[in-house]
Amino acid sequence: MSAAPKIDLAAAARRLTAASVGIRERRRFRRMPVEVTGRMLDSLGREHDCRTADISPGDIRIVAPILPQVGERVVIYLDGFGRVSGHVARKCGEGEVAVIFDFTAHKREKMAEQLTLAVNRDLGINEPIRPAIADDQKLIKLQFETGEAYEGEVVDFSLAGITIKSKRPPPLIGVWVRAGNVYGRVARLIEGGFAIDLEPRKHG
């Protein structure tokens, strides 16, 4: 079976992290729909189970049964990512908060590389990332909420989404699609294909 392309999110993230590291700027990072479990330590040293809803090199959205307060500093140990820390920026809804990392630029680049590996694993890629991609290494399995399933050719990938080319009739805009093991919605149509905006996994 053909392998999916080797994707490098780190380069895109480095362009973002070159900007100001203030809280307002860090909120502009595009969070990736990567879900991992972890343990969160609040400012009193209490430990709580948590999981990520999405992550970027600058911030993270955390789901937990017990949430810290806005402005509180937390330390989070994430499976596969290690220790991260930051301050709670805002509540995002029922059982969720956004945490802005207090990273150095070097640490943000390292997080971008870890996100690259995580997303590549979700796309079925376990080998090191390669800049050159052969034509027969661009196919990825697509599964739509409409029940359709077929392979498409990945022509572009970024922190925002994936661009797919396919000879099949185009899907409807707004339809959920699973590409490998990442999720998103069809955002727009292009000549001979469509673009997917990555979003957190659809539940229910």
C-alpha atoms as a PDB file:
ATOM      1  CA  MET A   1       0.000   0.000   0.000  1.00  0.00           C
ATOM      2  CA  SER A   2       1.277   3.480  -0.766  1.00  0.00           C
ATOM      3  CA  ALA A   3       2.530   5.515   2.165  1.00  0.00           C
ATOM      4  CA  ALA A   4       1.312   8.981   3.065  1.00  0.00           C
ATOM      5  CA  PRO A   5       3.674  11.925   2.554  1.00  0.00           C
ATOM      6  CA  LYS A   6       6.238  12.891   5.176  1.00  0.00           C
ATOM      7  CA  ILE A   7       4.982  16.171   6.546  1.00  0.00           C
ATOM      8  CA  ASP A   8       7.027  18.895   8.233  1.00  0.00           C
ATOM      9  CA  LEU A   9       4.959  21.158  10.483  1.00  0.00           C
ATOM     10  CA  ALA A  10       8.051  22.411  12.288  1.00  0.00           C
ATOM     11  CA  ALA A  11       9.087  24.704   9.437  1.00  0.00           C
ATOM     12  CA  ALA A  12       5.664  26.355   9.417  1.00  0.00           C
ATOM     13  CA  ALA A  13       5.726  26.651  13.193  1.00  0.00           C
ATOM     14  CA  ARG A  14       9.149  28.291  13.161  1.00  0.00           C
ATOM     15  CA  ARG A  15       7.753  31.017  10.920  1.00  0.00           C
ATOM     16  CA  LEU A  16       5.067  31.628  13.505  1.00  0.00           C
ATOM     17  CA  THR A  17       7.379  31.487  16.523  1.00  0.00           C
ATOM     18  CA  ALA A  18       9.652  34.114  14.971  1.00  0.00           C
ATOM     19  CA  ALA A  19       6.982  36.677  15.899  1.00  0.00           C
ATOM     20  CA  SER A  20       6.468  38.319  19.290  1.00  0.00           C
ATOM     21  CA  VAL A  21       6.160  35.923  22.214  1.00  0.00           C
ATOM     22  CA  GLY A  22       3.530  37.989  24.005  1.00  0.00           C
ATOM     23  CA  ILE A  23       0.252  36.384  24.994  1.00  0.00           C
ATOM     24  CA  ARG A  24      -1.693  38.149  22.253  1.00  0.00           C
ATOM     25  CA  GLU A  25       0.704  36.857  19.586  1.00  0.00           C
ATOM     26  CA  ARG A  26       0.868  33.344  20.993  1.00  0.00           C
ATOM     27  CA  ARG A  27      -2.900  33.040  20.697  1.00  0.00           C
ATOM     28  CA  ARG A  28      -2.478  33.280  16.919  1.00  0.00           C
ATOM     29  CA  PHE A  29      -0.885  29.829  16.683  1.00  0.00           C
ATOM     30  CA  ARG A  30      -3.043  27.302  14.914  1.00  0.00           C
ATOM     31  CA  ARG A  31      -3.842  24.483  17.330  1.00  0.00           C
ATOM     32  CA  MET A  32      -3.648  20.958  15.927  1.00  0.00           C
ATOM     33  CA  PRO A  33      -6.368  18.409  16.769  1.00  0.00           C
ATOM     34  CA  VAL A  34      -3.988  16.111  18.673  1.00  0.00           C
ATOM     35  CA  GLU A  35      -5.583  14.297  21.612  1.00  0.00           C
ATOM     36  CA  VAL A  36      -3.368  12.820  24.332  1.00  0.00           C
ATOM     37  CA  THR A  37      -3.906  12.072  28.019  1.00  0.00           C
ATOM     38  CA  GLY A  38      -1.934  13.570  30.867  1.00  0.00           C
ATOM     39  CA  ARG A  39      -1.748  14.778  34.455  1.00  0.00           C
ATOM     40  CA  MET A  40      -2.156  18.417  35.471  1.00  0.00           C
ATOM     41  CA  LEU A  41      -0.665  20.027  38.596  1.00  0.00           C
ATOM     42  CA  ASP A  42      -2.433  23.165  39.794  1.00  0.00           C
ATOM     43  CA  SER A  43      -0.796  26.028  41.723  1.00  0.00           C
ATOM     44  CA  LEU A  44      -1.480  24.211  45.035  1.00  0.00           C
ATOM     45  CA  GLY A  45       0.324  21.085  43.858  1.00  0.00           C
ATOM     46  CA  ARG A  46      -2.858  19.031  43.413  1.00  0.00           C
ATOM     47  CA  GLU A  47      -2.826  16.516  40.587  1.00  0.00           C
ATOM     48  CA  HIS A  48      -5.740  15.978  38.192  1.00  0.00           C
ATOM     49  CA  ASP A  49      -6.341  13.758  35.165  1.00  0.00           C
ATOM     50  CA  CYS A  50      -6.686  15.662  31.886  1.00  0.00           C
ATOM     51  CA  ARG A  51      -6.539  15.285  28.125  1.00  0.00           C
ATOM     52  CA  THR A  52      -5.822  17.647  25.295  1.00  0.00           C
ATOM     53  CA  ALA A  53      -8.492  18.829  22.886  1.00  0.00           C
ATOM     54  CA  ASP A  54      -5.885  20.450  20.647  1.00  0.00           C
ATOM     55  CA  ILE A  55      -2.321  21.776  20.834  1.00  0.00           C
ATOM     56  CA  SER A  56      -0.167  24.391  19.120  1.00  0.00           C
ATOM     57  CA  PRO A  57       3.464  25.415  19.702  1.00  0.00           C
ATOM     58  CA  GLY A  58       2.128  28.365  21.717  1.00  0.00           C
ATOM     59  CA  ASP A  59      -0.888  27.092  23.648  1.00  0.00           C
ATOM     60  CA  ILE A  60      -3.120  24.151  24.452  1.00  0.00           C
ATOM     61  CA  ARG A  61      -6.788  23.435  25.146  1.00  0.00           C
ATOM     62  CA  ILE A  62      -7.236  21.104  28.112  1.00  0.00           C
ATOM     63  CA  VAL A  63     -10.275  19.045  29.120  1.00  0.00           C
ATOM     64  CA  ALA A  64     -10.432  18.007  32.799  1.00  0.00           C
ATOM     65  CA  PRO A  65     -13.064  17.225  35.458  1.00  0.00           C
ATOM     66  CA  ILE A  66     -11.500  19.818  37.787  1.00  0.00           C
ATOM     67  CA  LEU A  67     -10.287  23.001  36.113  1.00  0.00           C
ATOM     68  CA  PRO A  68      -7.822  25.657  37.304  1.00  0.00           C
ATOM     69  CA  GLN A  69      -8.852  29.292  37.488  1.00  0.00           C
ATOM     70  CA  VAL A  70      -8.129  31.892  34.805  1.00  0.00           C
ATOM     71  CA  GLY A  71      -4.685  33.365  35.484  1.00  0.00           C
ATOM     72  CA  GLU A  72      -3.493  30.322  37.441  1.00  0.00           C
ATOM     73  CA  ARG A  73      -0.161  28.724  36.512  1.00  0.00           C
ATOM     74  CA  VAL A  74      -0.270  24.990  35.805  1.00  0.00           C
ATOM     75  CA  VAL A  75       2.226  22.249  34.972  1.00  0.00           C
ATOM     76  CA  ILE A  76       1.028  19.456  32.678  1.00  0.00           C
ATOM     77  CA  TYR A  77       2.685  16.115  31.954  1.00  0.00           C
ATOM     78  CA  LEU A  78       1.466  14.889  28.569  1.00  0.00           C
ATOM     79  CA  ASP A  79       1.962  11.366  27.261  1.00  0.00           C
ATOM     80  CA  GLY A  80       4.498  11.528  24.447  1.00  0.00           C
ATOM     81  CA  PHE A  81       5.264  15.234  24.975  1.00  0.00           C
ATOM     82  CA  GLY A  82       6.612  15.446  28.511  1.00  0.00           C
ATOM     83  CA  ARG A  83       6.341  18.473  30.791  1.00  0.00           C
ATOM     84  CA  VAL A  84       4.726  21.724  29.653  1.00  0.00           C
ATOM     85  CA  SER A  85       3.727  24.750  31.710  1.00  0.00           C
ATOM     86  CA  GLY A  86       1.856  28.012  31.360  1.00  0.00           C
ATOM     87  CA  HIS A  87      -1.003  30.179  32.568  1.00  0.00           C
ATOM     88  CA  VAL A  88      -4.722  29.650  32.084  1.00  0.00           C
ATOM     89  CA  ALA A  89      -5.858  32.287  29.598  1.00  0.00           C
ATOM     90  CA  ARG A  90      -9.601  31.631  29.489  1.00  0.00           C
ATOM     91  CA  LYS A  91     -12.379  29.102  29.842  1.00  0.00           C
ATOM     92  CA  CYS A  92     -13.440  27.571  26.534  1.00  0.00           C
ATOM     93  CA  GLY A  93     -16.749  26.021  27.498  1.00  0.00           C
ATOM     94  CA  GLU A  94     -17.939  23.125  29.597  1.00  0.00           C
ATOM     95  CA  GLY A  95     -14.929  21.440  31.189  1.00  0.00           C
ATOM     96  CA  GLU A  96     -12.254  23.136  29.053  1.00  0.00           C
ATOM     97  CA  VAL A  97      -9.597  25.826  29.508  1.00  0.00           C
ATOM     98  CA  ALA A  98      -6.941  27.317  27.241  1.00  0.00           C
ATOM     99  CA  VAL A  99      -3.399  27.458  28.613  1.00  0.00           C
ATOM    100  CA  ILE A 100      -0.787  29.805  27.103  1.00  0.00           C
ATOM    101  CA  PHE A 101       2.673  28.231  27.333  1.00  0.00           C
ATOM    102  CA  ASP A 102       5.517  30.102  29.026  1.00  0.00           C
ATOM    103  CA  PHE A 103       8.002  28.605  26.566  1.00  0.00           C
ATOM    104  CA  THR A 104      11.216  29.961  25.161  1.00  0.00           C
ATOM    105  CA  ALA A 105      11.445  30.098  21.361  1.00  0.00           C
ATOM    106  CA  HIS A 106      13.624  26.962  21.447  1.00  0.00           C
ATOM    107  CA  LYS A 107      11.036  25.058  23.467  1.00  0.00           C
ATOM    108  CA  ARG A 108       8.272  26.125  21.059  1.00  0.00           C
ATOM    109  CA  GLU A 109      10.293  24.789  18.125  1.00  0.00           C
ATOM    110  CA  LYS A 110      10.770  21.507  19.988  1.00  0.00           C
ATOM    111  CA  MET A 111       7.005  21.340  20.601  1.00  0.00           C
ATOM    112  CA  ALA A 112       6.448  21.960  16.874  1.00  0.00           C
ATOM    113  CA  GLU A 113       8.714  19.015  16.061  1.00  0.00           C
ATOM    114  CA  GLN A 114       6.803  16.801  18.534  1.00  0.00           C
ATOM    115  CA  LEU A 115       3.522  17.881  16.945  1.00  0.00           C
ATOM    116  CA  THR A 116       4.979  17.011  13.542  1.00  0.00           C
ATOM    117  CA  LEU A 117       5.747  13.478  14.712  1.00  0.00           C
ATOM    118  CA  ALA A 118       2.334  13.094  16.392  1.00  0.00           C
ATOM    119  CA  VAL A 119       0.383  14.211  13.315  1.00  0.00           C
ATOM    120  CA  ASN A 120       2.538  12.090  11.019  1.00  0.00           C
ATOM    121  CA  ARG A 121       1.818   9.065  13.224  1.00  0.00           C
ATOM    122  CA  ASP A 122      -1.895   9.829  12.951  1.00  0.00           C
ATOM    123  CA  LEU A 123      -1.460   9.888   9.179  1.00  0.00           C
ATOM    124  CA  GLY A 124       0.201   6.466   9.361  1.00  0.00           C
ATOM    125  CA  ILE A 125       3.772   7.725   9.007  1.00  0.00           C
ATOM    126  CA  ASN A 126       6.420   6.343  11.356  1.00  0.00           C
ATOM    127  CA  GLU A 127       9.578   6.979   9.351  1.00  0.00           C
ATOM    128  CA  PRO A 128      11.667  10.172   9.618  1.00  0.00           C
ATOM    129  CA  ILE A 129      10.316  13.106   7.619  1.00  0.00           C
ATOM    130  CA  ARG A 130      11.825  13.418   4.126  1.00  0.00           C
ATOM    131  CA  PRO A 131      11.726  16.614   2.046  1.00  0.00           C
ATOM    132  CA  ALA A 132      11.372  14.793  -1.273  1.00  0.00           C
ATOM    133  CA  ILE A 133       8.154  12.859  -1.857  1.00  0.00           C
ATOM    134  CA  ALA A 134       7.692  10.485  -4.775  1.00  0.00           C
ATOM    135  CA  ASP A 135       4.439  10.604  -6.708  1.00  0.00           C
ATOM    136  CA  ASP A 136       3.386   7.190  -5.423  1.00  0.00           C
ATOM    137  CA  GLN A 137       3.884   8.239  -1.765  1.00  0.00           C
ATOM    138  CA  LYS A 138       1.139  10.858  -1.567  1.00  0.00           C
ATOM    139  CA  LEU A 139      -1.983   8.747  -1.122  1.00  0.00           C
ATOM    140  CA  ILE A 140      -4.003   8.828   2.082  1.00  0.00           C
ATOM    141  CA  LYS A 141      -7.233   7.114   3.079  1.00  0.00           C
ATOM    142  CA  LEU A 142     -10.244   9.429   3.407  1.00  0.00           C
ATOM    143  CA  GLN A 143     -13.440   8.545   5.262  1.00  0.00           C
ATOM    144  CA  PHE A 144     -16.398  10.931   5.091  1.00  0.00           C
ATOM    145  CA  GLU A 145     -19.353  11.221   7.460  1.00  0.00           C
ATOM    146  CA  THR A 146     -21.553  10.551   4.410  1.00  0.00           C
ATOM    147  CA  GLY A 147     -20.188   6.994   4.351  1.00  0.00           C
ATOM    148  CA  GLU A 148     -17.886   7.455   1.360  1.00  0.00           C
ATOM    149  CA  ALA A 149     -14.318   6.188   1.656  1.00  0.00           C
ATOM    150  CA  TYR A 150     -11.514   6.419  -0.884  1.00  0.00           C
ATOM    151  CA  GLU A 151      -7.887   7.438  -1.292  1.00  0.00           C
ATOM    152  CA  GLY A 152      -6.834  10.964  -2.186  1.00  0.00           C
ATOM    153  CA  GLU A 153      -3.523  12.583  -3.079  1.00  0.00           C
ATOM    154  CA  VAL A 154      -2.042  14.977  -0.513  1.00  0.00           C
ATOM    155  CA  VAL A 155      -0.655  18.007  -2.348  1.00  0.00           C
ATOM    156  CA  ASP A 156      -0.139  20.321   0.636  1.00  0.00           C
ATOM    157  CA  PHE A 157      -0.172  20.169   4.444  1.00  0.00           C
ATOM    158  CA  SER A 158       0.155  22.961   6.994  1.00  0.00           C
ATOM    159  CA  LEU A 159      -0.756  23.809  10.575  1.00  0.00           C
ATOM    160  CA  ALA A 160      -4.177  24.782   9.225  1.00  0.00           C
ATOM    161  CA  GLY A 161      -5.159  21.796   7.122  1.00  0.00           C
ATOM    162  CA  ILE A 162      -4.655  19.463   4.176  1.00  0.00           C
ATOM    163  CA  THR A 163      -5.181  19.964   0.452  1.00  0.00           C
ATOM    164  CA  ILE A 164      -6.362  16.867  -1.408  1.00  0.00           C
ATOM    165  CA  LYS A 165      -6.608  16.048  -5.106  1.00  0.00           C
ATOM    166  CA  SER A 166      -9.000  13.361  -6.280  1.00  0.00           C
ATOM    167  CA  LYS A 167     -10.724  12.246  -9.465  1.00  0.00           C
ATOM    168  CA  ARG A 168     -13.884  11.570  -7.453  1.00  0.00           C
ATOM    169  CA  PRO A 169     -16.796  14.038  -7.423  1.00  0.00           C
ATOM    170  CA  PRO A 170     -16.043  16.735  -4.813  1.00  0.00           C
ATOM    171  CA  PRO A 171     -17.576  16.364  -1.328  1.00  0.00           C
ATOM    172  CA  LEU A 172     -19.933  18.935   0.133  1.00  0.00           C
ATOM    173  CA  ILE A 173     -18.376  21.878   1.944  1.00  0.00           C
ATOM    174  CA  GLY A 174     -18.680  21.428   5.721  1.00  0.00           C
ATOM    175  CA  VAL A 175     -18.664  17.616   5.663  1.00  0.00           C
ATOM    176  CA  TRP A 176     -16.554  15.910   8.352  1.00  0.00           C
ATOM    177  CA  VAL A 177     -13.701  13.807   7.008  1.00  0.00           C
ATOM    178  CA  ARG A 178     -11.107  11.559   8.582  1.00  0.00           C
ATOM    179  CA  ALA A 179      -7.738  11.700   6.785  1.00  0.00           C
ATOM    180  CA  GLY A 180      -5.572   8.946   8.181  1.00  0.00           C
ATOM    181  CA  ASN A 181      -6.271   9.424  11.890  1.00  0.00           C
ATOM    182  CA  VAL A 182      -6.750  13.206  11.904  1.00  0.00           C
ATOM    183  CA  TYR A 183     -10.095  14.923  11.543  1.00  0.00           C
ATOM    184  CA  GLY A 184     -11.452  18.029   9.914  1.00  0.00           C
ATOM    185  CA  ARG A 185     -14.106  19.572   7.691  1.00  0.00           C
ATOM    186  CA  VAL A 186     -14.124  20.176   3.962  1.00  0.00           C
ATOM    187  CA  ALA A 187     -13.477  23.928   3.822  1.00  0.00           C
ATOM    188  CA  ARG A 188     -13.353  24.755   0.108  1.00  0.00           C
ATOM    189  CA  LEU A 189     -13.126  23.212  -3.331  1.00  0.00           C
ATOM    190  CA  ILE A 190     -10.177  23.586  -5.692  1.00  0.00           C
ATOM    191  CA  GLU A 191      -9.655  22.468  -9.270  1.00  0.00           C
ATOM    192  CA  GLY A 192      -9.485  18.686  -9.105  1.00  0.00           C
ATOM    193  CA  GLY A 193      -9.837  18.461  -5.361  1.00  0.00           C
ATOM    194  CA  PHE A 194     -10.649  20.119  -2.034  1.00  0.00           C
ATOM    195  CA  ALA A 195      -9.134  21.514   1.164  1.00  0.00           C
ATOM    196  CA  ILE A 196      -9.710  20.215   4.689  1.00  0.00           C
ATOM    197  CA  ASP A 197      -9.482  22.468   7.750  1.00  0.00           C
ATOM    198  CA  LEU A 198      -8.239  20.364  10.679  1.00  0.00           C
ATOM    199  CA  GLU A 199     -10.492  20.423  13.730  1.00  0.00           C
ATOM    200  CA  PRO A 200     -10.759  18.443  16.973  1.00  0.00           C
ATOM    201  CA  ARG A 201     -12.190  14.969  16.603  1.00  0.00           C
ATOM    202  CA  LYS A 202     -15.937  14.722  16.126  1.00  0.00           C
ATOM    203  CA  HIS A 203     -17.657  13.091  19.098  1.00  0.00           C
ATOM    204  CA  GLY A 204     -21.092  11.587  19.311  1.00  0.00           C
END
